[in-house]
Protein backbone atom coordinates (compact mmCIF):
# COMPACT_ATOMS: atom_id res chain seq x y z
CA MET A 1 81.41 67.95 48.84
CA ASP A 2 83.05 67.42 45.46
CA LYS A 3 84.02 70.50 43.44
CA ILE A 4 84.84 71.46 39.87
CA THR A 5 87.16 74.27 38.83
CA ILE A 6 85.92 77.24 36.80
CA ARG A 7 88.92 78.59 34.86
CA ASN A 8 87.52 81.88 33.56
CA LYS A 9 86.64 83.73 36.77
CA LYS A 10 86.86 87.32 35.61
CA ILE A 11 84.84 89.44 38.04
CA PHE A 12 82.05 91.69 36.71
CA LYS A 13 83.16 95.27 36.12
CA VAL A 14 81.21 97.71 38.30
CA ASN A 15 81.56 101.45 38.83
CA LYS A 16 82.45 103.08 42.15
CA TYR A 17 78.79 103.75 43.00
CA GLN A 18 77.92 100.07 42.57
CA GLN A 19 81.04 98.86 44.41
CA ASP A 20 80.24 101.13 47.37
CA SER A 21 76.74 99.60 47.49
CA ILE A 22 78.20 96.08 47.36
CA ASN A 23 80.57 96.92 50.22
CA LYS A 24 77.74 98.39 52.31
CA PHE A 25 75.66 95.28 51.81
CA ILE A 26 78.59 92.96 52.69
CA ASP A 27 79.02 94.94 55.91
CA THR A 28 75.48 93.94 56.95
CA LEU A 29 76.17 90.22 56.56
CA LYS A 30 76.70 88.01 59.60
CA PRO A 31 76.85 84.21 60.04
CA GLU A 32 73.15 84.26 60.92
CA SER A 33 72.40 85.98 57.58
CA TYR A 34 72.61 82.59 55.84
CA LYS A 35 70.71 79.32 55.80
CA GLU A 36 72.05 76.07 54.37
CA LEU A 37 70.01 73.51 52.46
CA SER A 38 70.93 69.95 53.40
CA SER A 39 68.94 68.39 50.56
CA CYS A 40 67.68 69.31 47.10
CA ILE A 41 64.26 71.00 47.14
CA VAL A 42 63.24 69.11 43.98
CA CYS A 43 64.35 65.50 44.48
CA ASN A 44 65.18 65.61 48.22
CA LYS A 45 68.58 63.95 47.59
CA ARG A 46 71.92 65.07 49.07
CA ASN A 47 74.30 64.31 46.23
CA PHE A 48 75.80 67.77 45.55
CA LEU A 49 78.63 69.11 43.40
CA GLN A 50 80.01 72.60 44.08
CA ILE A 51 80.34 74.58 40.85
CA SER A 52 81.87 77.82 42.16
CA ASP A 53 82.75 79.19 45.59
CA ILE A 54 82.14 82.84 44.54
CA ASP A 55 79.61 84.62 42.35
CA GLY A 56 80.20 86.94 39.38
CA GLN A 57 80.80 89.92 41.69
CA GLY A 58 83.43 88.00 43.66
CA ILE A 59 81.26 87.55 46.76
CA LYS A 60 81.46 84.23 48.61
CA ARG A 61 78.19 82.58 47.58
CA PRO A 62 78.76 78.95 46.57
CA THR A 63 76.72 77.56 43.68
CA THR A 64 75.68 73.91 43.93
CA LEU A 65 74.46 71.36 41.39
CA CYS A 66 72.29 68.43 42.44
CA ARG A 67 73.73 65.37 40.69
CA GLU A 68 70.42 63.50 40.98
CA CYS A 69 68.19 65.94 39.06
CA GLY A 70 70.30 68.88 37.85
CA TYR A 71 68.78 71.51 40.13
CA PHE A 72 71.31 74.36 40.29
CA PHE A 73 71.21 76.78 43.22
CA ILE A 74 73.07 78.96 45.71
CA ASN A 75 73.93 77.14 48.94
CA PRO A 76 74.02 78.47 51.61
CA GLN A 77 71.34 81.01 50.75
CA PHE A 78 70.39 84.25 52.45
CA THR A 79 67.71 84.07 55.11
CA ASP A 80 64.35 85.57 54.14
CA GLN A 81 65.09 88.70 56.18
CA THR A 82 68.53 89.21 54.58
CA HIS A 83 67.01 88.63 51.16
CA LYS A 84 64.26 91.21 51.82
CA ASN A 85 66.80 93.74 53.11
CA TYR A 86 68.93 93.28 49.99
CA TYR A 87 66.04 93.92 47.58
CA GLU A 88 64.59 96.84 49.54
CA ASN A 89 67.85 98.70 50.12
CA PHE A 90 70.68 97.49 47.87
CA TYR A 91 69.61 95.57 44.76
CA ARG A 92 68.84 98.47 42.42
CA ASP A 93 72.01 100.35 43.45
CA ILE A 94 74.11 97.28 42.65
CA ASP A 95 72.25 96.05 39.57
CA ARG A 96 72.11 99.51 37.95
CA ASP A 97 74.10 102.66 38.58
CA PHE A 98 70.93 104.71 39.15
CA LYS A 99 68.12 104.70 41.73
CA THR A 100 65.44 105.95 39.35
CA PRO A 101 65.39 104.78 35.71
CA SER A 102 65.77 107.42 33.02
CA LYS A 103 62.94 108.16 30.59
CA ASP A 104 64.90 106.41 27.80
CA PHE A 105 65.40 103.30 29.94
CA TYR A 106 61.73 103.29 30.91
CA GLU A 107 60.67 103.55 27.26
CA LEU A 108 63.07 100.77 26.30
CA GLU A 109 61.59 98.48 28.97
CA LYS A 110 58.16 98.84 27.36
CA TYR A 111 59.42 96.60 24.57
CA ARG A 112 59.89 93.82 27.13
CA GLY A 113 56.16 94.04 27.84
CA ILE A 114 55.42 93.88 24.10
CA ASP A 115 57.68 90.83 23.71
CA ILE A 116 55.92 89.03 26.58
CA LEU A 117 52.48 89.77 25.13
CA ASN A 118 53.51 88.48 21.72
CA TYR A 119 54.95 85.34 23.30
CA ILE A 120 51.91 84.45 25.40
CA TYR A 121 49.53 85.27 22.54
CA SER A 122 51.48 83.02 20.19
CA ASN A 123 49.06 80.38 21.51
CA LYS A 124 45.49 81.19 20.47
CA ASP A 125 44.08 79.60 23.65
CA LEU A 126 45.35 82.48 25.81
CA ASN A 127 42.85 85.14 24.77
CA LYS A 128 40.67 85.44 27.91
CA ILE A 129 42.97 87.41 30.22
CA ASN A 130 41.33 90.27 32.17
CA SER A 131 43.37 90.69 35.37
CA CYS A 132 47.16 90.68 35.64
CA LEU A 133 49.70 90.69 38.46
CA ASP A 134 53.18 91.86 37.36
CA VAL A 135 55.61 90.57 40.01
CA GLY A 136 58.93 92.43 40.36
CA CYS A 137 57.67 95.08 37.97
CA GLY A 138 60.87 97.18 38.23
CA SER A 139 60.39 100.50 36.44
CA GLY A 140 56.72 99.67 35.89
CA ALA A 141 57.04 99.89 32.10
CA THR A 142 55.82 96.32 31.56
CA SER A 143 52.90 96.91 33.93
CA PHE A 144 51.96 100.00 31.91
CA ILE A 145 52.01 97.99 28.66
CA PHE A 146 49.89 95.22 30.23
CA ALA A 147 47.38 97.85 31.45
CA LYS A 148 46.91 98.93 27.85
CA VAL A 149 45.70 95.40 27.05
CA PHE A 150 44.17 93.94 30.24
CA ASN A 151 41.29 95.40 32.29
CA GLU A 152 43.08 95.36 35.65
CA VAL A 153 46.82 95.35 36.33
CA ILE A 154 48.72 95.42 39.62
CA GLY A 155 52.51 95.78 39.54
CA ILE A 156 54.48 94.91 42.68
CA ASP A 157 58.11 95.63 43.55
CA LEU A 158 60.06 96.23 46.77
CA ALA A 159 62.11 99.15 45.36
CA LYS A 160 60.01 102.29 45.97
CA ASP A 161 62.25 104.82 44.20
CA TYR A 162 62.48 102.70 41.08
CA THR A 163 58.76 102.98 40.23
CA LYS A 164 58.46 106.77 40.67
CA ASN A 165 57.99 107.55 36.98
CA VAL A 166 55.32 104.99 36.05
CA GLU A 167 52.67 106.59 33.85
CA LYS A 168 49.23 106.81 35.45
CA LEU A 169 46.30 104.75 34.21
CA ASP A 170 42.95 104.17 35.92
CA ASN A 171 43.33 100.39 35.69
CA LEU A 172 46.98 100.28 36.85
CA LYS A 173 48.11 100.12 40.47
CA ILE A 174 51.71 99.88 41.73
CA ILE A 175 52.25 98.45 45.23
CA HIS A 176 55.57 98.08 47.04
CA THR A 177 55.19 94.60 48.46
CA THR A 178 55.42 90.87 47.62
CA ILE A 179 52.76 88.32 46.68
CA GLN A 180 52.72 87.14 50.30
CA ASP A 181 50.90 90.39 51.22
CA ASN A 182 47.44 89.65 52.65
CA THR A 183 46.10 92.27 50.23
CA PHE A 184 45.95 89.41 47.72
CA ASP A 185 44.27 86.85 50.00
CA ASN A 186 40.90 87.16 48.27
CA LYS A 187 42.21 88.07 44.80
CA LYS A 188 42.46 85.93 41.68
CA PHE A 189 44.49 86.84 38.60
CA ASP A 190 44.09 85.50 35.07
CA PHE A 191 47.74 86.18 34.30
CA ILE A 192 50.77 86.42 36.60
CA ASN A 193 54.07 87.63 35.18
CA TYR A 194 57.55 86.70 36.46
CA CYS A 195 59.93 88.16 33.89
CA HIS A 196 63.52 87.85 35.16
CA VAL A 197 62.21 87.61 38.70
CA PHE A 198 61.82 83.92 39.52
CA GLU A 199 65.59 83.30 39.55
CA HIS A 200 65.80 85.91 42.34
CA ILE A 201 63.22 84.27 44.62
CA ASN A 202 64.59 83.02 47.92
CA ASP A 203 62.04 80.24 48.46
CA PRO A 204 60.53 79.14 45.12
CA ILE A 205 58.33 76.45 46.71
CA LYS A 206 56.72 78.98 49.04
CA GLU A 207 56.31 81.33 46.07
CA LEU A 208 54.65 78.69 43.88
CA LYS A 209 52.25 77.67 46.67
CA ARG A 210 51.17 81.31 46.95
CA ILE A 211 50.83 81.63 43.16
CA LYS A 212 48.46 78.65 43.16
CA GLU A 213 46.30 80.45 45.73
CA ILE A 214 45.93 83.64 43.68
CA LEU A 215 46.03 82.35 40.08
CA SER A 216 42.62 81.82 38.47
CA PRO A 217 41.76 78.14 37.85
CA ASN A 218 42.08 78.75 34.10
CA GLY A 219 44.81 81.39 34.47
CA TYR A 220 48.35 81.44 33.14
CA LEU A 221 51.72 82.01 34.77
CA TYR A 222 54.59 83.41 32.68
CA ILE A 223 58.15 82.71 33.85
CA GLU A 224 61.19 84.03 32.01
CA VAL A 225 64.68 83.37 33.38
CA PRO A 226 68.17 83.43 31.81
CA GLY A 227 68.46 79.79 30.72
CA ILE A 228 71.65 77.80 31.27
CA HIS A 229 71.52 76.68 27.63
CA SER A 230 71.30 80.33 26.46
CA ILE A 231 74.36 81.92 28.06
CA ASP A 232 75.46 83.16 24.62
CA HIS A 233 72.25 85.17 24.53
CA TRP A 234 72.29 86.52 28.08
CA TYR A 235 75.96 86.72 29.09
CA ASP A 236 78.05 86.81 25.89
CA GLY A 237 78.88 83.14 26.38
CA ASN A 238 80.55 83.69 29.77
CA PHE A 239 79.30 81.08 32.25
CA PHE A 240 80.89 82.71 35.31
CA HIS A 241 79.07 85.99 34.63
CA SER A 242 75.76 84.10 34.76
CA LEU A 243 76.41 83.54 38.48
CA GLU A 244 75.05 86.96 39.42
CA MET A 245 74.96 87.87 43.10
CA ASP A 246 71.20 88.41 43.09
CA HIS A 247 70.40 85.07 41.40
CA THR A 248 69.51 82.27 43.80
CA HIS A 249 68.50 79.59 41.27
CA PHE A 250 69.63 78.75 37.72
CA PHE A 251 67.42 76.89 35.27
CA THR A 252 67.07 74.96 32.06
CA LEU A 253 63.52 74.42 30.82
CA ASN A 254 63.65 70.83 32.13
CA THR A 255 64.94 71.68 35.62
CA LEU A 256 62.29 74.39 35.88
CA LYS A 257 59.73 71.81 34.74
CA ASN A 258 60.87 69.41 37.48
CA LEU A 259 60.18 72.07 40.12
CA MET A 260 56.90 73.26 38.58
CA GLN A 261 55.45 69.76 38.21
CA GLN A 262 56.34 69.01 41.82
CA GLN A 263 54.22 72.01 42.85
CA GLY A 264 51.24 71.14 40.66
CA PHE A 265 51.85 73.14 37.49
CA GLU A 266 51.97 71.91 33.91
CA LEU A 267 53.86 73.41 31.00
CA VAL A 268 51.69 74.98 28.31
CA PHE A 269 54.67 75.88 26.14
CA GLY A 270 58.25 77.08 26.58
CA ASP A 271 61.79 77.21 25.21
CA GLU A 272 65.40 77.14 26.40
CA VAL A 273 65.81 80.94 26.52
CA VAL A 274 64.01 80.23 29.13
CA ARG A 275 60.52 81.63 28.37
CA SER A 276 57.59 79.57 29.60
CA VAL A 277 53.82 79.61 30.13
CA TRP A 278 52.28 77.43 32.86
CA SER A 279 48.83 76.50 34.11
CA ILE A 280 47.62 74.73 37.24
CA ASN A 281 47.50 70.97 36.75
CA THR A 282 43.94 69.98 37.66
CA THR A 283 44.01 66.42 36.34
CA SER A 284 47.05 64.41 37.42
CA LYS A 285 49.39 64.62 40.41
CA LYS A 286 51.86 62.14 38.93
CA TYR A 287 55.14 63.48 37.61
CA SER A 288 58.64 62.20 36.91
CA VAL A 289 61.88 64.05 37.68
CA SER A 290 64.32 64.02 34.77
CA ASN A 291 68.04 64.29 35.53
CA GLU A 292 69.85 66.97 33.54
CA SER A 293 73.00 67.24 35.68
CA LYS A 294 75.34 65.70 33.06
CA ASN A 295 73.89 67.94 30.36
CA ILE A 296 74.40 71.03 32.54
CA LEU A 297 78.00 70.04 33.35
CA GLY A 298 78.61 69.67 29.60
CA GLN A 299 77.22 73.16 29.03
CA ILE A 300 79.42 74.61 31.78
CA LYS A 301 82.49 73.04 30.17
CA LYS A 302 81.49 74.47 26.78
CA TYR A 303 80.93 77.99 28.12
CA ASP A 304 84.01 78.00 30.38
CA ASN A 305 86.35 78.63 27.44
CA PHE A 306 88.33 81.87 27.13
CA TYR A 307 88.62 81.80 23.33
CA ARG A 308 84.96 80.98 22.87
CA ILE A 309 83.97 83.85 25.19
CA GLN A 310 86.05 86.29 23.12
CA TYR A 311 84.57 84.96 19.88
CA ILE A 312 80.96 85.38 21.10
CA LYS A 313 81.72 88.88 22.37
CA ILE A 314 83.25 89.96 19.04
CA LYS A 315 80.41 88.33 17.09
CA LYS A 316 77.75 90.15 19.12
CA ASN A 317 79.57 93.51 18.81
CA ILE A 318 79.81 93.15 15.03
CA SER A 319 76.11 92.29 14.84
CA LYS A 320 75.17 95.21 17.11
CA ASN A 321 77.26 97.73 15.16
CA PHE A 322 75.94 96.44 11.83
CA SER A 323 72.36 96.89 13.09
CA LYS A 324 73.12 100.45 14.19
CA PHE A 325 74.71 101.27 10.85
CA THR A 326 71.80 99.75 8.88
CA LYS A 327 69.27 101.70 10.98
CA TYR A 328 71.23 104.93 10.42
CA VAL A 329 71.35 104.41 6.64
CA LEU A 330 67.65 103.54 6.39
CA LYS A 331 66.70 106.64 8.38
CA LYS A 332 68.92 108.81 6.20
CA ILE A 333 67.23 107.67 3.00
CA GLY A 334 63.79 107.90 4.64
CA ILE A 335 62.59 104.30 4.46
CA PHE A 336 63.23 103.10 8.03
CA ASP A 337 59.56 103.20 9.13
CA LEU A 338 58.45 101.35 5.98
CA ILE A 339 61.09 98.63 6.46
CA LYS A 340 60.16 98.31 10.13
CA LYS A 341 56.47 97.83 9.29
CA LEU A 342 57.30 95.21 6.66
CA TYR A 343 59.60 93.42 9.13
CA LEU A 344 56.94 93.36 11.85
CA LYS A 345 54.36 92.12 9.36
CA LYS A 346 56.66 89.28 8.31
CA LYS A 347 57.25 88.34 11.97
CA ASN A 348 53.46 88.00 12.35
CA LYS A 349 53.36 89.60 15.82
CA LYS A 350 50.03 90.66 17.31
CA PHE A 351 51.35 93.67 19.27
CA HIS A 352 53.69 96.42 18.07
CA LEU A 353 54.98 99.53 19.83
CA ILE A 354 55.24 102.32 17.26
CA ASN A 355 55.97 105.94 18.27
CA GLY A 356 55.01 105.13 21.86
CA LYS A 357 51.63 103.65 20.94
CA ILE A 358 50.54 100.01 21.07
CA ILE A 359 49.28 98.85 17.71
CA THR A 360 47.21 95.65 17.68
CA LYS A 361 47.29 93.74 14.45
C-alpha cells in the first residue's frame, strides 16, 4: 500500500492518569483484537493510501484513505468485542481525566443540547418531534435538555459512572446499552441524535441499518462529527491531532453523504463542520458516489504545516482571552445580561439557556 508522510506528528499531551489508562488498554490488545478491511465499505474498491501509521496518542492504528471515493478510516479496526471493552472500561478514563463529570462540566454540556436544538429547528419542517433517542449521551446533559422539549427521551451510553449525576425527569430514561439492544425492537423515534458519536462507531453500516429500523418514517437523524474541512475549529488546525485513538472514521459532508445514501438516507441539510440532518429516503434508491480523495489530500497538506498550526493556536488564544476580558468588563459595569439578550435576539435562535432555564422564543 502506498503511503504519505505526516511531518507534524506531535503526540497528544495526556496526564499520568490518562497514560496509565492507555497503557492498561494496550495490555489487553492481542493480534485477534483487530480485523482488517480488504475493501472500502462505501465503494467496495481496494485502492488505498495510508495516511498515518499511528494515531494522535501514538498508538499503532493506521489511517487509510480510499482513493476511489475519499472514505477515510482506521484499518485494521478493533473487533466488535475489543471496541465494546474499550468504551465500557477505558474510553472515559482516556478521553477525560475524570470518571464522573463535575457539575460545571455537566452544566456546560447543556449548551451542546441547546445548539443542536437550534440547528435542527433552523428548518421549519422539523416541528413534529415527540420521541427522542440520544445515542452516546455521555454525561446526560443533552438528554436532559431534549427532555425539556420532547415528550419522551431515552439516553444511552456504555459508561455507567459517567451518567451518575443526570437530573431526574419523568420523561427521561438513561440506559447503559447500545441501539442494538432488543429493548428497542418495537420502538420508533421521531428524532435520533448522534452528536460526536458516529465517528466512534465500529461498524457504521450495521449502525445505520439499525437506525432505519427504529427511526419513524417521517423522523430525523442528527449526525455531528469533527469535519475534515474544519480542523481549525476542532483541533487548532493540527491534522495529526484529529486522528484520535477513539475515532474509527473521519468525514467531510460529502463522504458522509456517500455512506448515508448507500444505506438509504437523504440529506435534509448540513454543513462542513460537520453538522447534518437526515431522513429515510422513501422515493429513490439511486445514488452516485462522489470522489473527494484529492480534496482531502489537499486539506491534509494544508493542515500539516507547523507554522500554520502555531498561527491558528495563537489566533484562537487571543480570541478566547479577548472574549473573557470583554465578559469580565461587561459584568463589572452591570450590562452583561442585557448584551447577552440582545446578542441572542440578533442571532434569531429559538432556544436559549439562561440561568439554568430553557427559554423558548
